[in-house]
Amino acid sequence: MRLRPALILAAGLLVPALLAGCSLDSEEALRQHLSQWFSLAGTRNFVSKSSCTLAVFHIDQPSVAMEGGLTRASDSKTALELVEAGTPVLFEFPGRSPTEISETLMTEDLARGLGLLSSGIGPVLDCAEGDGIRKGVYRILVSKSARMLYEPDGNALILVYPPERLAVFMRGNV
């Protein structure tokens, strides 16, 4: 009978440690995955929990390589068809910010447009450590200089911000 409280105590100490180790992504695996599209330099921020991942990487060039099944979409109809087909999409909507692109998609298909935006907003709210990261991501979301990629299979939103040579990766598990 003395063994039972010890087992309960050990389980109580072990479960939080195991849960703390759960994350959606590892930095190494994510860097390897993103390297098909970007020449990544240093990591500026990386947080991955069981519910979200938010990573900010410096990139050598602000261009996006059209590899790994990535397809350009220059109108909302094509973009939504690609998302529906599970194809990674690079949105080429000149003069529009990622937020404006999402609004355009919501006008066409509310559920998918909201899904794109929530892929970014959720991880920023859950995984951003500090207001500086939140404000920086918001600034990129509303910038007409930013480019946006969406990976439907992984529910990941990726922003490229050429003025600062940054790639921001956001994934939620919802």
N, C-alpha and C. Protein backbone atom coordinates (compact mmCIF):
# COMPACT_ATOMS: atom_id res chain seq x y z
N MET A 1 0.81 -1.20 0.00
CA MET A 1 0.00 0.00 0.00
C MET A 1 0.85 1.27 0.00
N ARG A 2 2.04 1.23 0.51
CA ARG A 2 2.93 2.39 0.53
C ARG A 2 3.38 2.78 -0.87
N LEU A 3 3.38 1.81 -1.78
CA LEU A 3 3.84 2.05 -3.13
C LEU A 3 2.89 2.95 -3.91
N ARG A 4 1.64 2.92 -3.62
CA ARG A 4 0.65 3.68 -4.37
C ARG A 4 0.89 5.18 -4.30
N PRO A 5 1.09 5.82 -3.13
CA PRO A 5 1.35 7.26 -3.12
C PRO A 5 2.63 7.62 -3.89
N ALA A 6 3.62 6.76 -3.86
CA ALA A 6 4.85 7.03 -4.60
C ALA A 6 4.59 7.00 -6.10
N LEU A 7 3.78 6.05 -6.56
CA LEU A 7 3.44 5.98 -7.98
C LEU A 7 2.63 7.20 -8.42
N ILE A 8 1.71 7.61 -7.56
CA ILE A 8 0.91 8.80 -7.88
C ILE A 8 1.80 10.03 -7.96
N LEU A 9 2.71 10.15 -7.03
CA LEU A 9 3.64 11.28 -7.05
C LEU A 9 4.52 11.26 -8.30
N ALA A 10 5.04 10.08 -8.64
CA ALA A 10 5.89 9.96 -9.83
C ALA A 10 5.10 10.30 -11.09
N ALA A 11 3.87 9.82 -11.20
CA ALA A 11 3.02 10.13 -12.36
C ALA A 11 2.72 11.62 -12.41
N GLY A 12 2.46 12.21 -11.25
CA GLY A 12 2.18 13.64 -11.18
C GLY A 12 3.36 14.49 -11.65
N LEU A 13 4.56 14.01 -11.42
CA LEU A 13 5.74 14.74 -11.86
C LEU A 13 6.08 14.46 -13.33
N LEU A 14 5.77 13.26 -13.78
CA LEU A 14 6.11 12.85 -15.13
C LEU A 14 5.18 13.42 -16.19
N VAL A 15 3.88 13.46 -15.92
CA VAL A 15 2.91 13.92 -16.91
C VAL A 15 3.18 15.36 -17.36
N PRO A 16 3.37 16.34 -16.47
CA PRO A 16 3.67 17.68 -16.96
C PRO A 16 4.96 17.74 -17.78
N ALA A 17 5.95 16.95 -17.41
CA ALA A 17 7.21 16.94 -18.17
C ALA A 17 6.97 16.39 -19.57
N LEU A 18 6.17 15.35 -19.69
CA LEU A 18 5.86 14.80 -21.01
C LEU A 18 5.06 15.77 -21.84
N LEU A 19 4.07 16.42 -21.25
CA LEU A 19 3.26 17.39 -21.98
C LEU A 19 4.08 18.59 -22.43
N ALA A 20 5.03 19.01 -21.63
CA ALA A 20 5.87 20.14 -22.00
C ALA A 20 6.71 19.81 -23.23
N GLY A 21 7.02 18.54 -23.43
CA GLY A 21 7.82 18.14 -24.57
C GLY A 21 7.02 18.01 -25.85
N CYS A 22 5.69 18.07 -25.79
CA CYS A 22 4.86 17.95 -26.97
C CYS A 22 4.84 19.26 -27.74
N SER A 23 5.12 19.18 -29.02
CA SER A 23 5.04 20.37 -29.86
C SER A 23 4.64 19.94 -31.26
N LEU A 24 4.09 20.88 -32.03
CA LEU A 24 3.68 20.58 -33.39
C LEU A 24 4.87 20.38 -34.31
N ASP A 25 5.92 21.17 -34.10
CA ASP A 25 7.05 21.17 -35.02
C ASP A 25 8.36 21.23 -34.25
N SER A 26 9.40 20.69 -34.86
CA SER A 26 10.74 20.91 -34.33
C SER A 26 11.38 21.96 -35.24
N GLU A 27 12.27 22.74 -34.69
CA GLU A 27 12.91 23.78 -35.50
C GLU A 27 13.69 23.17 -36.66
N GLU A 28 14.41 22.11 -36.40
CA GLU A 28 15.22 21.48 -37.45
C GLU A 28 14.35 20.96 -38.59
N ALA A 29 13.27 20.26 -38.27
CA ALA A 29 12.38 19.72 -39.31
C ALA A 29 11.70 20.84 -40.07
N LEU A 30 11.31 21.89 -39.37
CA LEU A 30 10.66 23.02 -40.03
C LEU A 30 11.62 23.73 -40.97
N ARG A 31 12.85 23.95 -40.52
CA ARG A 31 13.86 24.58 -41.38
C ARG A 31 14.08 23.74 -42.64
N GLN A 32 14.15 22.43 -42.47
CA GLN A 32 14.36 21.54 -43.62
C GLN A 32 13.17 21.65 -44.58
N HIS A 33 11.95 21.66 -44.05
CA HIS A 33 10.75 21.76 -44.88
C HIS A 33 10.71 23.09 -45.64
N LEU A 34 10.98 24.18 -44.96
CA LEU A 34 10.91 25.50 -45.59
C LEU A 34 12.04 25.75 -46.58
N SER A 35 13.11 24.98 -46.47
CA SER A 35 14.25 25.19 -47.36
C SER A 35 13.91 24.89 -48.83
N GLN A 36 12.80 24.23 -49.09
CA GLN A 36 12.38 24.02 -50.47
C GLN A 36 11.92 25.32 -51.12
N TRP A 37 11.54 26.29 -50.31
CA TRP A 37 11.02 27.56 -50.84
C TRP A 37 11.93 28.75 -50.56
N PHE A 38 12.72 28.66 -49.49
CA PHE A 38 13.53 29.80 -49.05
C PHE A 38 14.95 29.39 -48.75
N SER A 39 15.85 30.33 -48.90
CA SER A 39 17.21 30.15 -48.42
C SER A 39 17.24 30.76 -47.02
N LEU A 40 17.11 29.90 -46.02
CA LEU A 40 17.00 30.37 -44.64
C LEU A 40 18.37 30.71 -44.07
N ALA A 41 18.40 31.80 -43.32
CA ALA A 41 19.60 32.18 -42.57
C ALA A 41 19.30 31.85 -41.10
N GLY A 42 19.48 32.79 -40.21
CA GLY A 42 19.28 32.55 -38.79
C GLY A 42 17.83 32.51 -38.37
N THR A 43 17.63 31.98 -37.19
CA THR A 43 16.30 31.94 -36.58
C THR A 43 16.16 33.14 -35.65
N ARG A 44 15.12 33.90 -35.83
CA ARG A 44 14.87 35.06 -34.98
C ARG A 44 13.98 34.69 -33.80
N ASN A 45 13.03 33.78 -34.05
CA ASN A 45 12.10 33.37 -33.01
C ASN A 45 11.56 31.99 -33.38
N PHE A 46 11.46 31.11 -32.39
CA PHE A 46 10.85 29.81 -32.62
C PHE A 46 10.13 29.37 -31.36
N VAL A 47 8.82 29.16 -31.47
CA VAL A 47 8.02 28.63 -30.37
C VAL A 47 7.07 27.61 -30.97
N SER A 48 7.10 26.40 -30.44
CA SER A 48 6.16 25.38 -30.87
C SER A 48 5.62 24.69 -29.63
N LYS A 49 4.31 24.67 -29.54
CA LYS A 49 3.60 24.02 -28.43
C LYS A 49 2.69 22.96 -29.04
N SER A 50 1.93 22.31 -28.20
CA SER A 50 1.01 21.30 -28.72
C SER A 50 -0.11 21.92 -29.54
N SER A 51 -0.37 23.22 -29.36
CA SER A 51 -1.47 23.88 -30.06
C SER A 51 -1.04 24.78 -31.21
N CYS A 52 0.25 25.13 -31.30
CA CYS A 52 0.65 26.09 -32.31
C CYS A 52 2.16 26.11 -32.52
N THR A 53 2.53 26.69 -33.66
CA THR A 53 3.94 26.99 -33.94
C THR A 53 4.00 28.39 -34.52
N LEU A 54 4.95 29.16 -34.04
CA LEU A 54 5.23 30.49 -34.59
C LEU A 54 6.75 30.58 -34.71
N ALA A 55 7.22 30.72 -35.95
CA ALA A 55 8.66 30.80 -36.18
C ALA A 55 8.95 31.98 -37.10
N VAL A 56 10.01 32.70 -36.80
CA VAL A 56 10.46 33.82 -37.63
C VAL A 56 11.91 33.53 -38.01
N PHE A 57 12.14 33.47 -39.32
CA PHE A 57 13.47 33.18 -39.85
C PHE A 57 13.96 34.34 -40.70
N HIS A 58 15.23 34.59 -40.64
CA HIS A 58 15.86 35.50 -41.60
C HIS A 58 16.05 34.69 -42.88
N ILE A 59 15.85 35.34 -44.03
CA ILE A 59 16.06 34.67 -45.30
C ILE A 59 17.13 35.42 -46.09
N ASP A 60 17.92 34.67 -46.85
CA ASP A 60 18.99 35.28 -47.64
C ASP A 60 18.45 36.13 -48.78
N GLN A 61 17.40 35.64 -49.44
CA GLN A 61 16.78 36.34 -50.56
C GLN A 61 15.26 36.40 -50.31
N PRO A 62 14.62 37.50 -50.65
CA PRO A 62 13.18 37.59 -50.42
C PRO A 62 12.34 36.84 -51.46
N SER A 63 13.00 36.19 -52.42
CA SER A 63 12.25 35.46 -53.44
C SER A 63 11.78 34.11 -52.89
N VAL A 64 10.76 33.57 -53.54
CA VAL A 64 10.20 32.28 -53.15
C VAL A 64 10.43 31.31 -54.30
N ALA A 65 11.08 30.19 -54.02
CA ALA A 65 11.32 29.17 -55.05
C ALA A 65 10.02 28.40 -55.28
N MET A 66 9.70 28.18 -56.52
CA MET A 66 8.46 27.49 -56.86
C MET A 66 8.72 25.97 -56.90
N GLU A 67 9.01 25.43 -55.74
CA GLU A 67 9.31 24.00 -55.58
C GLU A 67 8.24 23.38 -54.68
N GLY A 68 8.35 22.09 -54.48
CA GLY A 68 7.49 21.40 -53.52
C GLY A 68 6.01 21.52 -53.79
N GLY A 69 5.64 21.59 -55.09
CA GLY A 69 4.22 21.65 -55.43
C GLY A 69 3.59 23.01 -55.24
N LEU A 70 4.39 24.02 -54.92
CA LEU A 70 3.86 25.38 -54.73
C LEU A 70 3.37 25.93 -56.06
N THR A 71 2.16 26.49 -56.05
CA THR A 71 1.55 27.05 -57.25
C THR A 71 1.12 28.49 -56.98
N ARG A 72 1.36 29.35 -57.97
CA ARG A 72 0.94 30.75 -57.87
C ARG A 72 -0.56 30.87 -58.17
N ALA A 73 -1.20 31.77 -57.45
CA ALA A 73 -2.60 32.11 -57.72
C ALA A 73 -2.70 33.63 -57.75
N SER A 74 -3.28 34.14 -58.83
CA SER A 74 -3.39 35.60 -58.95
C SER A 74 -4.83 36.08 -58.87
N ASP A 75 -5.75 35.17 -58.58
CA ASP A 75 -7.15 35.57 -58.37
C ASP A 75 -7.77 34.64 -57.33
N SER A 76 -8.85 35.09 -56.74
CA SER A 76 -9.44 34.35 -55.62
C SER A 76 -10.03 33.01 -56.06
N LYS A 77 -10.60 32.93 -57.25
CA LYS A 77 -11.18 31.66 -57.71
C LYS A 77 -10.10 30.58 -57.81
N THR A 78 -8.99 30.91 -58.45
CA THR A 78 -7.88 29.96 -58.58
C THR A 78 -7.32 29.60 -57.21
N ALA A 79 -7.14 30.61 -56.37
CA ALA A 79 -6.59 30.37 -55.03
C ALA A 79 -7.46 29.40 -54.24
N LEU A 80 -8.77 29.61 -54.26
CA LEU A 80 -9.67 28.73 -53.51
C LEU A 80 -9.69 27.31 -54.08
N GLU A 81 -9.60 27.19 -55.40
CA GLU A 81 -9.53 25.85 -56.01
C GLU A 81 -8.26 25.12 -55.57
N LEU A 82 -7.15 25.84 -55.52
CA LEU A 82 -5.89 25.23 -55.09
C LEU A 82 -5.94 24.81 -53.63
N VAL A 83 -6.51 25.67 -52.78
CA VAL A 83 -6.65 25.35 -51.36
C VAL A 83 -7.53 24.11 -51.20
N GLU A 84 -8.63 24.08 -51.93
CA GLU A 84 -9.55 22.93 -51.87
C GLU A 84 -8.85 21.64 -52.31
N ALA A 85 -7.95 21.75 -53.29
CA ALA A 85 -7.23 20.58 -53.80
C ALA A 85 -6.06 20.18 -52.89
N GLY A 86 -5.80 20.99 -51.86
CA GLY A 86 -4.69 20.68 -50.95
C GLY A 86 -3.33 21.08 -51.48
N THR A 87 -3.31 22.00 -52.44
CA THR A 87 -2.07 22.44 -53.08
C THR A 87 -1.51 23.65 -52.35
N PRO A 88 -0.22 23.65 -52.01
CA PRO A 88 0.38 24.85 -51.42
C PRO A 88 0.29 26.02 -52.41
N VAL A 89 -0.10 27.19 -51.90
CA VAL A 89 -0.40 28.35 -52.75
C VAL A 89 0.48 29.54 -52.37
N LEU A 90 1.02 30.19 -53.40
CA LEU A 90 1.65 31.50 -53.25
C LEU A 90 0.67 32.49 -53.84
N PHE A 91 0.16 33.36 -53.01
CA PHE A 91 -0.83 34.35 -53.45
C PHE A 91 -0.11 35.51 -54.12
N GLU A 92 -0.41 35.75 -55.37
CA GLU A 92 0.17 36.85 -56.14
C GLU A 92 -0.94 37.85 -56.44
N PHE A 93 -1.31 38.62 -55.44
CA PHE A 93 -2.34 39.65 -55.58
C PHE A 93 -1.63 41.00 -55.40
N PRO A 94 -1.06 41.55 -56.47
CA PRO A 94 -0.25 42.77 -56.35
C PRO A 94 -0.99 43.91 -55.65
N GLY A 95 -0.26 44.58 -54.77
CA GLY A 95 -0.81 45.73 -54.07
C GLY A 95 -1.76 45.40 -52.94
N ARG A 96 -1.85 44.13 -52.56
CA ARG A 96 -2.74 43.74 -51.46
C ARG A 96 -1.94 43.07 -50.35
N SER A 97 -2.29 43.41 -49.14
CA SER A 97 -1.65 42.81 -47.97
C SER A 97 -2.23 41.42 -47.74
N PRO A 98 -1.57 40.59 -46.92
CA PRO A 98 -2.15 39.29 -46.58
C PRO A 98 -3.55 39.41 -45.97
N THR A 99 -3.78 40.44 -45.18
CA THR A 99 -5.11 40.64 -44.60
C THR A 99 -6.13 40.93 -45.70
N GLU A 100 -5.76 41.78 -46.66
CA GLU A 100 -6.67 42.09 -47.76
C GLU A 100 -6.93 40.88 -48.65
N ILE A 101 -5.91 40.06 -48.84
CA ILE A 101 -6.09 38.83 -49.62
C ILE A 101 -7.08 37.91 -48.90
N SER A 102 -6.92 37.77 -47.59
CA SER A 102 -7.84 36.94 -46.82
C SER A 102 -9.26 37.48 -46.90
N GLU A 103 -9.40 38.81 -46.83
CA GLU A 103 -10.74 39.42 -46.94
C GLU A 103 -11.35 39.12 -48.31
N THR A 104 -10.54 39.19 -49.36
CA THR A 104 -11.02 38.87 -50.71
C THR A 104 -11.50 37.43 -50.78
N LEU A 105 -10.73 36.52 -50.19
CA LEU A 105 -11.11 35.12 -50.19
C LEU A 105 -12.36 34.88 -49.35
N MET A 106 -12.51 35.61 -48.25
CA MET A 106 -13.70 35.47 -47.42
C MET A 106 -14.95 35.92 -48.18
N THR A 107 -14.80 36.91 -49.04
CA THR A 107 -15.92 37.37 -49.85
C THR A 107 -16.40 36.25 -50.78
N GLU A 108 -15.46 35.49 -51.31
CA GLU A 108 -15.78 34.37 -52.20
C GLU A 108 -16.26 33.14 -51.43
N ASP A 109 -15.57 32.82 -50.35
CA ASP A 109 -15.86 31.62 -49.57
C ASP A 109 -15.49 31.90 -48.12
N LEU A 110 -16.47 32.24 -47.33
CA LEU A 110 -16.23 32.69 -45.95
C LEU A 110 -15.42 31.68 -45.14
N ALA A 111 -15.76 30.41 -45.21
CA ALA A 111 -15.09 29.40 -44.39
C ALA A 111 -13.60 29.30 -44.72
N ARG A 112 -13.27 29.21 -46.00
CA ARG A 112 -11.85 29.08 -46.37
C ARG A 112 -11.08 30.35 -46.11
N GLY A 113 -11.70 31.50 -46.36
CA GLY A 113 -11.03 32.77 -46.08
C GLY A 113 -10.73 32.94 -44.61
N LEU A 114 -11.70 32.59 -43.77
CA LEU A 114 -11.48 32.64 -42.32
C LEU A 114 -10.45 31.62 -41.89
N GLY A 115 -10.44 30.47 -42.55
CA GLY A 115 -9.47 29.43 -42.22
C GLY A 115 -8.05 29.90 -42.45
N LEU A 116 -7.83 30.61 -43.55
CA LEU A 116 -6.50 31.14 -43.83
C LEU A 116 -6.07 32.11 -42.74
N LEU A 117 -6.95 33.05 -42.44
CA LEU A 117 -6.61 34.07 -41.46
C LEU A 117 -6.41 33.47 -40.07
N SER A 118 -7.26 32.49 -39.71
CA SER A 118 -7.12 31.89 -38.38
C SER A 118 -5.86 31.05 -38.27
N SER A 119 -5.33 30.57 -39.40
CA SER A 119 -4.06 29.84 -39.36
C SER A 119 -2.94 30.75 -38.87
N GLY A 120 -3.07 32.04 -39.13
CA GLY A 120 -2.06 32.99 -38.68
C GLY A 120 -2.37 33.60 -37.33
N ILE A 121 -3.61 34.00 -37.13
CA ILE A 121 -3.98 34.72 -35.91
C ILE A 121 -3.89 33.82 -34.68
N GLY A 122 -4.39 32.60 -34.76
CA GLY A 122 -4.34 31.68 -33.61
C GLY A 122 -2.94 31.47 -33.09
N PRO A 123 -1.99 31.06 -33.95
CA PRO A 123 -0.63 30.86 -33.46
C PRO A 123 0.02 32.13 -32.91
N VAL A 124 -0.30 33.27 -33.51
CA VAL A 124 0.28 34.51 -32.99
C VAL A 124 -0.22 34.76 -31.58
N LEU A 125 -1.50 34.55 -31.35
CA LEU A 125 -2.05 34.79 -30.02
C LEU A 125 -1.56 33.75 -29.02
N ASP A 126 -1.45 32.49 -29.44
CA ASP A 126 -1.07 31.42 -28.52
C ASP A 126 0.43 31.26 -28.33
N CYS A 127 1.21 31.48 -29.38
CA CYS A 127 2.63 31.15 -29.33
C CYS A 127 3.57 32.36 -29.25
N ALA A 128 3.08 33.53 -29.53
CA ALA A 128 3.97 34.70 -29.49
C ALA A 128 4.37 34.99 -28.05
N GLU A 129 5.66 35.10 -27.85
CA GLU A 129 6.16 35.40 -26.51
C GLU A 129 6.50 36.88 -26.44
N GLY A 130 5.52 37.66 -26.11
CA GLY A 130 5.73 39.10 -25.97
C GLY A 130 5.03 39.91 -27.04
N ASP A 131 4.76 41.15 -26.69
CA ASP A 131 4.05 42.05 -27.59
C ASP A 131 4.87 42.43 -28.82
N GLY A 132 6.20 42.41 -28.71
CA GLY A 132 7.04 42.77 -29.84
C GLY A 132 6.81 41.84 -31.03
N ILE A 133 6.74 40.55 -30.77
CA ILE A 133 6.49 39.58 -31.84
C ILE A 133 5.08 39.76 -32.38
N ARG A 134 4.10 39.91 -31.51
CA ARG A 134 2.71 40.10 -31.95
C ARG A 134 2.59 41.33 -32.85
N LYS A 135 3.16 42.42 -32.42
CA LYS A 135 3.08 43.65 -33.21
C LYS A 135 3.82 43.52 -34.53
N GLY A 136 4.96 42.83 -34.51
CA GLY A 136 5.71 42.62 -35.75
C GLY A 136 4.93 41.80 -36.75
N VAL A 137 4.30 40.72 -36.30
CA VAL A 137 3.51 39.88 -37.19
C VAL A 137 2.31 40.66 -37.71
N TYR A 138 1.67 41.42 -36.84
CA TYR A 138 0.52 42.23 -37.28
C TYR A 138 0.97 43.21 -38.37
N ARG A 139 2.11 43.83 -38.17
CA ARG A 139 2.64 44.80 -39.15
C ARG A 139 2.84 44.12 -40.50
N ILE A 140 3.32 42.89 -40.49
CA ILE A 140 3.52 42.15 -41.74
C ILE A 140 2.17 41.76 -42.36
N LEU A 141 1.22 41.34 -41.53
CA LEU A 141 -0.10 40.96 -42.04
C LEU A 141 -0.80 42.09 -42.78
N VAL A 142 -0.55 43.33 -42.39
CA VAL A 142 -1.24 44.45 -43.03
C VAL A 142 -0.36 45.19 -44.04
N SER A 143 0.84 44.69 -44.27
CA SER A 143 1.76 45.34 -45.21
C SER A 143 1.52 44.89 -46.65
N LYS A 144 1.44 45.84 -47.55
CA LYS A 144 1.30 45.53 -48.97
C LYS A 144 2.61 44.98 -49.56
N SER A 145 3.70 45.09 -48.81
CA SER A 145 4.99 44.54 -49.25
C SER A 145 5.11 43.05 -48.96
N ALA A 146 4.27 42.55 -48.09
CA ALA A 146 4.35 41.15 -47.67
C ALA A 146 3.76 40.23 -48.73
N ARG A 147 4.29 39.02 -48.77
CA ARG A 147 3.76 37.96 -49.63
C ARG A 147 3.26 36.84 -48.72
N MET A 148 2.24 36.12 -49.20
CA MET A 148 1.63 35.10 -48.36
C MET A 148 1.58 33.76 -49.09
N LEU A 149 1.94 32.72 -48.34
CA LEU A 149 1.82 31.34 -48.81
C LEU A 149 0.90 30.61 -47.84
N TYR A 150 0.17 29.64 -48.36
CA TYR A 150 -0.66 28.81 -47.50
C TYR A 150 -0.45 27.36 -47.89
N GLU A 151 -0.25 26.54 -46.87
CA GLU A 151 -0.05 25.11 -47.05
C GLU A 151 -1.25 24.38 -46.43
N PRO A 152 -2.25 24.03 -47.25
CA PRO A 152 -3.49 23.45 -46.70
C PRO A 152 -3.28 22.16 -45.91
N ASP A 153 -2.44 21.26 -46.40
CA ASP A 153 -2.25 19.98 -45.70
C ASP A 153 -1.71 20.17 -44.30
N GLY A 154 -0.83 21.12 -44.12
CA GLY A 154 -0.26 21.37 -42.81
C GLY A 154 -0.94 22.49 -42.05
N ASN A 155 -1.98 23.10 -42.66
CA ASN A 155 -2.67 24.23 -42.06
C ASN A 155 -1.67 25.30 -41.62
N ALA A 156 -0.77 25.64 -42.53
CA ALA A 156 0.29 26.60 -42.21
C ALA A 156 0.19 27.83 -43.09
N LEU A 157 0.35 28.98 -42.47
CA LEU A 157 0.39 30.26 -43.17
C LEU A 157 1.82 30.76 -43.06
N ILE A 158 2.37 31.17 -44.19
CA ILE A 158 3.76 31.65 -44.22
C ILE A 158 3.76 33.03 -44.84
N LEU A 159 4.33 33.98 -44.15
CA LEU A 159 4.46 35.34 -44.65
C LEU A 159 5.91 35.62 -44.98
N VAL A 160 6.12 36.27 -46.09
CA VAL A 160 7.46 36.69 -46.48
C VAL A 160 7.44 38.21 -46.47
N TYR A 161 8.41 38.78 -45.77
CA TYR A 161 8.48 40.23 -45.65
C TYR A 161 9.82 40.72 -46.23
N PRO A 162 9.83 41.04 -47.53
CA PRO A 162 11.08 41.42 -48.20
C PRO A 162 11.84 42.59 -47.57
N PRO A 163 11.17 43.66 -47.08
CA PRO A 163 11.95 44.77 -46.54
C PRO A 163 12.92 44.38 -45.42
N GLU A 164 12.57 43.36 -44.64
CA GLU A 164 13.45 42.93 -43.55
C GLU A 164 14.00 41.51 -43.77
N ARG A 165 13.72 40.97 -44.96
CA ARG A 165 14.15 39.61 -45.30
C ARG A 165 13.77 38.60 -44.21
N LEU A 166 12.46 38.54 -43.96
CA LEU A 166 11.93 37.63 -42.95
C LEU A 166 10.92 36.68 -43.57
N ALA A 167 10.88 35.47 -43.04
CA ALA A 167 9.81 34.52 -43.32
C ALA A 167 9.19 34.16 -41.98
N VAL A 168 7.88 34.30 -41.88
CA VAL A 168 7.15 34.02 -40.65
C VAL A 168 6.26 32.80 -40.91
N PHE A 169 6.47 31.76 -40.14
CA PHE A 169 5.72 30.52 -40.27
C PHE A 169 4.74 30.42 -39.11
N MET A 170 3.46 30.17 -39.42
CA MET A 170 2.43 30.07 -38.37
C MET A 170 1.56 28.85 -38.65
N ARG A 171 1.41 28.03 -37.64
CA ARG A 171 0.57 26.84 -37.76
C ARG A 171 -0.21 26.66 -36.47
N GLY A 172 -1.48 26.36 -36.63
CA GLY A 172 -2.31 25.99 -35.49
C GLY A 172 -2.80 24.58 -35.69
N ASN A 173 -3.25 23.95 -34.64
CA ASN A 173 -3.72 22.57 -34.78
C ASN A 173 -5.22 22.49 -34.90
N VAL A 174 -5.87 23.61 -35.15
CA VAL A 174 -7.32 23.63 -35.28
C VAL A 174 -7.72 23.40 -36.71
